[in-house]
PDB file of N, CA and C in Angstrom:
ATOM      1  N   MET A   1       0.844  -1.177   0.000  1.00  0.00           N
ATOM      2  CA  MET A   1       0.000   0.000   0.000  1.00  0.00           C
ATOM      3  C   MET A   1       0.886   1.236   0.000  1.00  0.00           C
ATOM      4  N   GLN A   2       0.553   2.195  -0.828  1.00  0.00           N
ATOM      5  CA  GLN A   2       1.273   3.453  -0.864  1.00  0.00           C
ATOM      6  C   GLN A   2       0.314   4.575  -0.550  1.00  0.00           C
ATOM      7  N   LEU A   3       0.846   5.588   0.098  1.00  0.00           N
ATOM      8  CA  LEU A   3       0.042   6.729   0.493  1.00  0.00           C
ATOM      9  C   LEU A   3       0.808   7.991   0.136  1.00  0.00           C
ATOM     10  N   GLU A   4       0.188   8.851  -0.624  1.00  0.00           N
ATOM     11  CA  GLU A   4       0.821  10.110  -0.983  1.00  0.00           C
ATOM     12  C   GLU A   4       0.420  11.167   0.032  1.00  0.00           C
ATOM     13  N   ILE A   5       1.415  11.815   0.614  1.00  0.00           N
ATOM     14  CA  ILE A   5       1.161  12.820   1.641  1.00  0.00           C
ATOM     15  C   ILE A   5       1.899  14.099   1.274  1.00  0.00           C
ATOM     16  N   LYS A   6       1.185  15.198   1.315  1.00  0.00           N
ATOM     17  CA  LYS A   6       1.771  16.502   1.030  1.00  0.00           C
ATOM     18  C   LYS A   6       2.679  16.909   2.192  1.00  0.00           C
ATOM     19  N   PRO A   7       3.666  17.754   1.930  1.00  0.00           N
ATOM     20  CA  PRO A   7       4.586  18.190   2.991  1.00  0.00           C
ATOM     21  C   PRO A   7       3.882  18.798   4.206  1.00  0.00           C
ATOM     22  N   GLU A   8       2.853  19.604   3.991  1.00  0.00           N
ATOM     23  CA  GLU A   8       2.142  20.205   5.119  1.00  0.00           C
ATOM     24  C   GLU A   8       1.353  19.155   5.913  1.00  0.00           C
ATOM     25  N   GLU A   9       0.894  18.119   5.212  1.00  0.00           N
ATOM     26  CA  GLU A   9       0.216  17.018   5.897  1.00  0.00           C
ATOM     27  C   GLU A   9       1.219  16.214   6.732  1.00  0.00           C
ATOM     28  N   MET A  10       2.425  16.043   6.194  1.00  0.00           N
ATOM     29  CA  MET A  10       3.474  15.320   6.909  1.00  0.00           C
ATOM     30  C   MET A  10       3.848  16.064   8.196  1.00  0.00           C
ATOM     31  N   GLU A  11       3.953  17.373   8.124  1.00  0.00           N
ATOM     32  CA  GLU A  11       4.273  18.161   9.308  1.00  0.00           C
ATOM     33  C   GLU A  11       3.180  18.038  10.367  1.00  0.00           C
ATOM     34  N   LEU A  12       1.936  18.033   9.926  1.00  0.00           N
ATOM     35  CA  LEU A  12       0.828  17.876  10.860  1.00  0.00           C
ATOM     36  C   LEU A  12       0.862  16.484  11.505  1.00  0.00           C
ATOM     37  N   LEU A  13       1.143  15.469  10.721  1.00  0.00           N
ATOM     38  CA  LEU A  13       1.254  14.114  11.271  1.00  0.00           C
ATOM     39  C   LEU A  13       2.347  14.035  12.325  1.00  0.00           C
ATOM     40  N   LYS A  14       3.497  14.635  12.037  1.00  0.00           N
ATOM     41  CA  LYS A  14       4.596  14.643  13.009  1.00  0.00           C
ATOM     42  C   LYS A  14       4.158  15.324  14.298  1.00  0.00           C
ATOM     43  N   LEU A  15       3.530  16.470  14.161  1.00  0.00           N
ATOM     44  CA  LEU A  15       3.081  17.228  15.324  1.00  0.00           C
ATOM     45  C   LEU A  15       2.076  16.426  16.147  1.00  0.00           C
ATOM     46  N   LEU A  16       1.102  15.808  15.489  1.00  0.00           N
ATOM     47  CA  LEU A  16       0.080  15.032  16.185  1.00  0.00           C
ATOM     48  C   LEU A  16       0.670  13.803  16.876  1.00  0.00           C
ATOM     49  N   LEU A  17       1.598  13.140  16.210  1.00  0.00           N
ATOM     50  CA  LEU A  17       2.230  11.970  16.820  1.00  0.00           C
ATOM     51  C   LEU A  17       3.054  12.358  18.041  1.00  0.00           C
ATOM     52  N   GLU A  18       3.814  13.430  17.931  1.00  0.00           N
ATOM     53  CA  GLU A  18       4.625  13.869  19.064  1.00  0.00           C
ATOM     54  C   GLU A  18       3.740  14.266  20.246  1.00  0.00           C
ATOM     55  N   LYS A  19       2.631  14.921  19.966  1.00  0.00           N
ATOM     56  CA  LYS A  19       1.692  15.295  21.030  1.00  0.00           C
ATOM     57  C   LYS A  19       1.101  14.047  21.672  1.00  0.00           C
ATOM     58  N   ASP A  20       0.698  13.084  20.851  1.00  0.00           N
ATOM     59  CA  ASP A  20       0.106  11.853  21.368  1.00  0.00           C
ATOM     60  C   ASP A  20       1.116  11.064  22.199  1.00  0.00           C
ATOM     61  N   ILE A  21       2.354  11.003  21.744  1.00  0.00           N
ATOM     62  CA  ILE A  21       3.389  10.284  22.489  1.00  0.00           C
ATOM     63  C   ILE A  21       3.579  10.921  23.860  1.00  0.00           C
ATOM     64  N   GLY A  22       3.647  12.234  23.912  1.00  0.00           N
ATOM     65  CA  GLY A  22       3.800  12.929  25.186  1.00  0.00           C
ATOM     66  C   GLY A  22       2.631  12.690  26.122  1.00  0.00           C
ATOM     67  N   GLU A  23       1.419  12.762  25.594  1.00  0.00           N
ATOM     68  CA  GLU A  23       0.226  12.536  26.417  1.00  0.00           C
ATOM     69  C   GLU A  23       0.144  11.087  26.894  1.00  0.00           C
ATOM     70  N   THR A  24       0.546  10.163  26.036  1.00  0.00           N
ATOM     71  CA  THR A  24       0.512   8.754  26.405  1.00  0.00           C
ATOM     72  C   THR A  24       1.516   8.468  27.518  1.00  0.00           C
ATOM     73  N   ARG A  25       2.681   9.099  27.455  1.00  0.00           N
ATOM     74  CA  ARG A  25       3.671   8.922  28.528  1.00  0.00           C
ATOM     75  C   ARG A  25       3.115   9.360  29.875  1.00  0.00           C
ATOM     76  N   VAL A  26       2.373  10.456  29.887  1.00  0.00           N
ATOM     77  CA  VAL A  26       1.760  10.933  31.128  1.00  0.00           C
ATOM     78  C   VAL A  26       0.732   9.910  31.618  1.00  0.00           C
ATOM     79  N   GLU A  27      -0.072   9.397  30.692  1.00  0.00           N
ATOM     80  CA  GLU A  27      -1.072   8.390  31.066  1.00  0.00           C
ATOM     81  C   GLU A  27      -0.414   7.129  31.626  1.00  0.00           C
ATOM     82  N   VAL A  28       0.699   6.704  31.009  1.00  0.00           N
ATOM     83  CA  VAL A  28       1.420   5.524  31.492  1.00  0.00           C
ATOM     84  C   VAL A  28       1.870   5.767  32.927  1.00  0.00           C
ATOM     85  N   HIS A  29       2.400   6.928  33.170  1.00  0.00           N
ATOM     86  CA  HIS A  29       2.898   7.271  34.504  1.00  0.00           C
ATOM     87  C   HIS A  29       1.788   7.205  35.551  1.00  0.00           C
ATOM     88  N   HIS A  30       0.590   7.581  35.187  1.00  0.00           N
ATOM     89  CA  HIS A  30      -0.525   7.642  36.135  1.00  0.00           C
ATOM     90  C   HIS A  30      -1.365   6.364  36.178  1.00  0.00           C
ATOM     91  N   ALA A  31      -1.132   5.480  35.226  1.00  0.00           N
ATOM     92  CA  ALA A  31      -1.939   4.254  35.154  1.00  0.00           C
ATOM     93  C   ALA A  31      -1.667   3.346  36.349  1.00  0.00           C
ATOM     94  N   ARG A  32      -2.732   2.834  36.927  1.00  0.00           N
ATOM     95  CA  ARG A  32      -2.605   1.924  38.072  1.00  0.00           C
ATOM     96  C   ARG A  32      -2.870   0.470  37.658  1.00  0.00           C
ATOM     97  N   ASN A  33      -3.689   0.292  36.643  1.00  0.00           N
ATOM     98  CA  ASN A  33      -4.025  -1.038  36.162  1.00  0.00           C
ATOM     99  C   ASN A  33      -2.891  -1.547  35.266  1.00  0.00           C
ATOM    100  N   ILE A  34      -2.353  -2.712  35.594  1.00  0.00           N
ATOM    101  CA  ILE A  34      -1.196  -3.252  34.873  1.00  0.00           C
ATOM    102  C   ILE A  34      -1.508  -3.497  33.395  1.00  0.00           C
ATOM    103  N   GLU A  35      -2.693  -4.052  33.097  1.00  0.00           N
ATOM    104  CA  GLU A  35      -3.049  -4.329  31.704  1.00  0.00           C
ATOM    105  C   GLU A  35      -3.203  -3.041  30.909  1.00  0.00           C
ATOM    106  N   TYR A  36      -3.833  -2.049  31.525  1.00  0.00           N
ATOM    107  CA  TYR A  36      -4.017  -0.769  30.838  1.00  0.00           C
ATOM    108  C   TYR A  36      -2.670  -0.093  30.613  1.00  0.00           C
ATOM    109  N   LYS A  37      -1.797  -0.169  31.596  1.00  0.00           N
ATOM    110  CA  LYS A  37      -0.464   0.419  31.475  1.00  0.00           C
ATOM    111  C   LYS A  37       0.303  -0.248  30.330  1.00  0.00           C
ATOM    112  N   ALA A  38       0.207  -1.564  30.235  1.00  0.00           N
ATOM    113  CA  ALA A  38       0.873  -2.295  29.150  1.00  0.00           C
ATOM    114  C   ALA A  38       0.300  -1.885  27.795  1.00  0.00           C
ATOM    115  N   HIS A  39      -1.019  -1.716  27.749  1.00  0.00           N
ATOM    116  CA  HIS A  39      -1.677  -1.258  26.512  1.00  0.00           C
ATOM    117  C   HIS A  39      -1.140   0.113  26.103  1.00  0.00           C
ATOM    118  N   LEU A  40      -1.027   1.016  27.056  1.00  0.00           N
ATOM    119  CA  LEU A  40      -0.523   2.358  26.770  1.00  0.00           C
ATOM    120  C   LEU A  40       0.937   2.328  26.318  1.00  0.00           C
ATOM    121  N   GLN A  41       1.738   1.480  26.950  1.00  0.00           N
ATOM    122  CA  GLN A  41       3.140   1.372  26.567  1.00  0.00           C
ATOM    123  C   GLN A  41       3.284   0.843  25.142  1.00  0.00           C
ATOM    124  N   GLU A  42       2.434  -0.092  24.769  1.00  0.00           N
ATOM    125  CA  GLU A  42       2.461  -0.620  23.398  1.00  0.00           C
ATOM    126  C   GLU A  42       2.021   0.466  22.415  1.00  0.00           C
ATOM    127  N   ARG A  43       1.007   1.218  22.782  1.00  0.00           N
ATOM    128  CA  ARG A  43       0.546   2.324  21.930  1.00  0.00           C
ATOM    129  C   ARG A  43       1.663   3.345  21.742  1.00  0.00           C
ATOM    130  N   GLU A  44       2.370   3.667  22.819  1.00  0.00           N
ATOM    131  CA  GLU A  44       3.483   4.613  22.734  1.00  0.00           C
ATOM    132  C   GLU A  44       4.589   4.065  21.835  1.00  0.00           C
ATOM    133  N   ARG A  45       4.889   2.758  21.973  1.00  0.00           N
ATOM    134  CA  ARG A  45       5.922   2.141  21.145  1.00  0.00           C
ATOM    135  C   ARG A  45       5.566   2.224  19.664  1.00  0.00           C
ATOM    136  N   ILE A  46       4.324   1.932  19.337  1.00  0.00           N
ATOM    137  CA  ILE A  46       3.871   1.978  17.939  1.00  0.00           C
ATOM    138  C   ILE A  46       3.924   3.409  17.403  1.00  0.00           C
ATOM    139  N   ALA A  47       3.426   4.359  18.195  1.00  0.00           N
ATOM    140  CA  ALA A  47       3.433   5.760  17.774  1.00  0.00           C
ATOM    141  C   ALA A  47       4.859   6.262  17.580  1.00  0.00           C
ATOM    142  N   GLN A  48       5.768   5.862  18.460  1.00  0.00           N
ATOM    143  CA  GLN A  48       7.162   6.301  18.336  1.00  0.00           C
ATOM    144  C   GLN A  48       7.809   5.699  17.096  1.00  0.00           C
ATOM    145  N   ALA A  49       7.530   4.430  16.827  1.00  0.00           N
ATOM    146  CA  ALA A  49       8.074   3.779  15.632  1.00  0.00           C
ATOM    147  C   ALA A  49       7.556   4.465  14.369  1.00  0.00           C
ATOM    148  N   LEU A  50       6.271   4.784  14.352  1.00  0.00           N
ATOM    149  CA  LEU A  50       5.693   5.479  13.203  1.00  0.00           C
ATOM    150  C   LEU A  50       6.306   6.867  13.057  1.00  0.00           C
ATOM    151  N   ASN A  51       6.468   7.567  14.162  1.00  0.00           N
ATOM    152  CA  ASN A  51       7.068   8.898  14.140  1.00  0.00           C
ATOM    153  C   ASN A  51       8.505   8.822  13.603  1.00  0.00           C
ATOM    154  N   ASP A  52       9.249   7.829  14.021  1.00  0.00           N
ATOM    155  CA  ASP A  52      10.621   7.653  13.532  1.00  0.00           C
ATOM    156  C   ASP A  52      10.640   7.405  12.027  1.00  0.00           C
ATOM    157  N   ARG A  53       9.696   6.589  11.556  1.00  0.00           N
ATOM    158  CA  ARG A  53       9.612   6.315  10.117  1.00  0.00           C
ATOM    159  C   ARG A  53       9.274   7.573   9.330  1.00  0.00           C
ATOM    160  N   ILE A  54       8.355   8.373   9.872  1.00  0.00           N
ATOM    161  CA  ILE A  54       7.958   9.609   9.187  1.00  0.00           C
ATOM    162  C   ILE A  54       9.120  10.592   9.148  1.00  0.00           C
ATOM    163  N   LYS A  55       9.864  10.678  10.248  1.00  0.00           N
ATOM    164  CA  LYS A  55      11.008  11.600  10.300  1.00  0.00           C
ATOM    165  C   LYS A  55      12.102  11.185   9.319  1.00  0.00           C
ATOM    166  N   ALA A  56      12.197   9.895   9.028  1.00  0.00           N
ATOM    167  CA  ALA A  56      13.211   9.400   8.102  1.00  0.00           C
ATOM    168  C   ALA A  56      12.901   9.743   6.649  1.00  0.00           C
ATOM    169  N   VAL A  57      11.636  10.058   6.364  1.00  0.00           N
ATOM    170  CA  VAL A  57      11.229  10.410   5.000  1.00  0.00           C
ATOM    171  C   VAL A  57      11.566  11.883   4.773  1.00  0.00           C
ATOM    172  N   LYS A  58      12.290  12.137   3.736  1.00  0.00           N
ATOM    173  CA  LYS A  58      12.672  13.527   3.432  1.00  0.00           C
ATOM    174  C   LYS A  58      11.985  14.019   2.195  1.00  0.00           C
TER     175      LYS A  58
END
């Protein structure tokens, strides 16, 4: 699958991912339920991997 993204759309994606990663880290810190915390950590890992891939595209 290929997806064409305009430069301004790419910048917005980066911004949204970075915001989500930061918010998820706060949620992980405050999470008391072990399963929910693990879910959040996996979400953060996926978002960070996607953000890294997007940053690698020039």
